[in-house]
């Protein structure tokens, strides 16, 4: 479910029941990375996990890492596909899954909302345990099955930094 749907619709409806706390449990891990294999999920700014990451970087005075990773991504544009690495992982490595989940809860909670909101995501390890023969976890893990996936994630980040709405897979 999208963060905006959670904030503007679901939580509003549940909030009318006046609960003390709302716990949202996701059957999937946090969607952190773009998909370029069929589903149009190429704009990082639309991922609530990425929005949470950026806010956490700012709160911890680590926003300089955004520029550093941007420079690293740009430098990789000229490399052959098989040498390109997913540079965005560096940013996510700064925080735990729980820290990002807590920030997501803050982002999706409407202003002035009374109930406490907690968001719990499935662990990637649990997905691997449940689906041991499926490696299609790149939008959660950033581990793309083809070298072109790393190129797309880096380009998506470049687009974010340059405030471009172009799809990352449109070069």
Protein backbone atom coordinates (compact mmCIF):
# COMPACT_ATOMS: atom_id res chain seq x y z
CA UNK A 1 0.00 0.00 0.00
CA UNK A 2 1.24 3.48 -0.73
CA UNK A 3 2.07 5.82 2.13
CA UNK A 4 -0.32 8.46 0.81
CA UNK A 5 -3.20 5.95 0.79
CA UNK A 6 -2.37 5.01 4.36
CA UNK A 7 -2.25 8.65 5.48
CA UNK A 8 -5.20 10.11 3.61
CA UNK A 9 -7.61 7.20 3.67
CA UNK A 10 -6.97 4.13 5.81
CA UNK A 11 -5.76 5.83 8.99
CA UNK A 12 -8.51 8.44 8.75
CA UNK A 13 -11.18 5.73 8.62
CA UNK A 14 -9.69 3.67 11.46
CA UNK A 15 -9.10 6.83 13.50
CA UNK A 16 -12.84 7.50 13.62
CA UNK A 17 -13.12 4.46 15.90
CA UNK A 18 -10.93 6.33 18.44
CA UNK A 19 -8.38 3.62 19.17
CA UNK A 20 -5.44 4.39 21.45
CA UNK A 21 -2.99 2.81 19.05
CA UNK A 22 -2.99 1.57 15.47
CA UNK A 23 -0.49 -1.06 14.42
CA UNK A 24 -0.06 -1.48 10.69
CA UNK A 25 1.55 -4.79 9.74
CA UNK A 26 2.91 -5.23 6.23
CA UNK A 27 3.31 -8.68 4.70
CA UNK A 28 6.18 -7.23 2.66
CA UNK A 29 9.45 -5.58 3.68
CA UNK A 30 9.99 -1.85 3.13
CA UNK A 31 10.07 -0.99 -0.57
CA UNK A 32 13.37 0.86 -0.82
CA UNK A 33 14.54 0.50 -4.40
CA UNK A 34 13.09 1.01 -7.89
CA UNK A 35 11.79 -1.80 -10.01
CA UNK A 36 12.77 -1.88 -13.66
CA UNK A 37 11.56 -5.32 -14.67
CA UNK A 38 7.96 -4.61 -15.56
CA UNK A 39 6.31 -2.61 -12.77
CA UNK A 40 6.67 1.15 -13.13
CA UNK A 41 8.24 1.96 -9.78
CA UNK A 42 11.14 4.10 -10.92
CA UNK A 43 10.84 7.34 -8.93
CA UNK A 44 12.56 7.12 -5.55
CA UNK A 45 10.77 10.17 -4.18
CA UNK A 46 7.53 8.15 -4.22
CA UNK A 47 8.83 5.48 -1.82
CA UNK A 48 7.89 6.26 1.77
CA UNK A 49 10.95 4.29 2.93
CA UNK A 50 13.16 6.60 0.86
CA UNK A 51 11.34 9.67 2.21
CA UNK A 52 11.99 8.34 5.73
CA UNK A 53 15.65 7.76 4.89
CA UNK A 54 16.11 11.33 3.67
CA UNK A 55 14.41 12.75 6.78
CA UNK A 56 16.61 10.61 9.04
CA UNK A 57 19.75 11.72 7.20
CA UNK A 58 18.71 15.35 7.72
CA UNK A 59 17.84 14.81 11.40
CA UNK A 60 21.23 13.18 12.05
CA UNK A 61 23.18 15.84 10.11
CA UNK A 62 24.17 13.28 7.50
CA UNK A 63 22.56 14.92 4.47
CA UNK A 64 26.08 15.39 3.05
CA UNK A 65 25.90 11.66 2.26
CA UNK A 66 23.22 12.42 -0.32
CA UNK A 67 25.72 14.51 -2.29
CA UNK A 68 28.49 11.93 -1.84
CA UNK A 69 26.29 9.13 -3.14
CA UNK A 70 25.05 11.36 -5.96
CA UNK A 71 28.66 11.91 -7.06
CA UNK A 72 29.36 8.17 -6.83
CA UNK A 73 26.28 7.38 -8.92
CA UNK A 74 27.27 9.92 -11.59
CA UNK A 75 30.78 8.47 -11.75
CA UNK A 76 29.33 5.03 -12.40
CA UNK A 77 27.29 6.14 -15.42
CA UNK A 78 30.30 5.64 -17.69
CA UNK A 79 31.20 2.18 -16.38
CA UNK A 80 30.26 -1.03 -18.18
CA UNK A 81 27.07 -2.51 -16.68
CA UNK A 82 28.91 -5.44 -15.08
CA UNK A 83 31.03 -3.03 -12.99
CA UNK A 84 28.21 -0.86 -11.67
CA UNK A 85 27.32 -1.18 -7.97
CA UNK A 86 24.16 -0.13 -6.12
CA UNK A 87 25.45 2.99 -4.37
CA UNK A 88 22.14 3.71 -2.60
CA UNK A 89 22.75 0.89 -0.13
CA UNK A 90 25.33 3.15 1.55
CA UNK A 91 22.51 5.47 2.59
CA UNK A 92 20.25 2.75 3.97
CA UNK A 93 23.18 1.25 5.89
CA UNK A 94 23.17 4.37 8.10
CA UNK A 95 19.98 3.29 9.89
CA UNK A 96 18.27 0.15 11.16
CA UNK A 97 15.07 -1.19 9.65
CA UNK A 98 13.30 -0.22 12.87
CA UNK A 99 14.51 3.39 12.69
CA UNK A 100 13.23 3.66 9.14
CA UNK A 101 9.92 1.98 10.07
CA UNK A 102 9.45 4.41 12.96
CA UNK A 103 10.06 7.36 10.64
CA UNK A 104 7.62 5.88 8.11
CA UNK A 105 5.00 5.76 10.88
CA UNK A 106 5.61 9.45 11.55
CA UNK A 107 5.32 10.31 7.85
CA UNK A 108 2.03 8.44 7.30
CA UNK A 109 0.42 9.73 10.50
CA UNK A 110 -1.90 12.64 9.66
CA UNK A 111 -1.27 15.93 11.46
CA UNK A 112 -3.29 16.19 14.66
CA UNK A 113 -4.03 12.47 14.65
CA UNK A 114 -4.68 11.21 18.18
CA UNK A 115 -3.88 7.47 18.09
CA UNK A 116 -0.27 6.36 18.16
CA UNK A 117 0.68 4.73 14.85
CA UNK A 118 3.24 1.94 14.58
CA UNK A 119 4.27 0.30 11.31
CA UNK A 120 5.81 -3.17 11.27
CA UNK A 121 7.28 -4.57 8.07
CA UNK A 122 8.09 -8.15 7.20
CA UNK A 123 11.79 -8.97 7.49
CA UNK A 124 13.60 -9.80 4.26
CA UNK A 125 14.98 -12.93 5.92
CA UNK A 126 11.43 -14.15 6.50
CA UNK A 127 10.62 -13.61 2.83
CA UNK A 128 13.68 -15.68 1.89
CA UNK A 129 12.60 -18.41 4.28
CA UNK A 130 9.05 -18.44 2.90
CA UNK A 131 10.20 -18.30 -0.74
CA UNK A 132 13.62 -19.99 -0.78
CA UNK A 133 13.76 -20.48 -4.55
CA UNK A 134 12.79 -16.93 -5.49
CA UNK A 135 15.39 -14.17 -5.67
CA UNK A 136 12.95 -11.44 -6.73
CA UNK A 137 13.58 -9.21 -3.72
CA UNK A 138 15.50 -6.33 -5.32
CA UNK A 139 12.94 -3.62 -4.46
CA UNK A 140 13.40 -4.59 -0.81
CA UNK A 141 17.10 -5.53 -0.74
CA UNK A 142 18.63 -3.66 -3.66
CA UNK A 143 20.18 -6.92 -4.87
CA UNK A 144 19.30 -6.73 -8.55
CA UNK A 145 19.44 -9.95 -10.61
CA UNK A 146 21.04 -8.22 -13.59
CA UNK A 147 23.82 -5.61 -13.83
CA UNK A 148 21.38 -3.22 -15.50
CA UNK A 149 19.36 -3.06 -12.28
CA UNK A 150 22.24 -1.36 -10.48
CA UNK A 151 22.46 1.16 -13.30
CA UNK A 152 18.74 1.89 -12.98
CA UNK A 153 18.83 2.39 -9.19
CA UNK A 154 21.76 4.79 -9.49
CA UNK A 155 20.03 6.68 -12.31
CA UNK A 156 16.83 6.87 -10.23
CA UNK A 157 18.84 8.46 -7.42
CA UNK A 158 20.49 10.90 -9.84
CA UNK A 159 17.02 11.84 -11.08
CA UNK A 160 15.89 12.39 -7.48
CA UNK A 161 18.86 14.64 -6.72
CA UNK A 162 18.37 16.59 -9.95
CA UNK A 163 14.61 16.87 -9.31
CA UNK A 164 13.87 15.09 -12.58
CA UNK A 165 10.65 13.14 -13.09
CA UNK A 166 12.06 11.06 -15.95
CA UNK A 167 11.88 7.31 -15.53
CA UNK A 168 15.26 5.92 -14.55
CA UNK A 169 15.19 3.36 -17.34
CA UNK A 170 14.68 6.03 -20.02
CA UNK A 171 18.18 7.12 -21.00
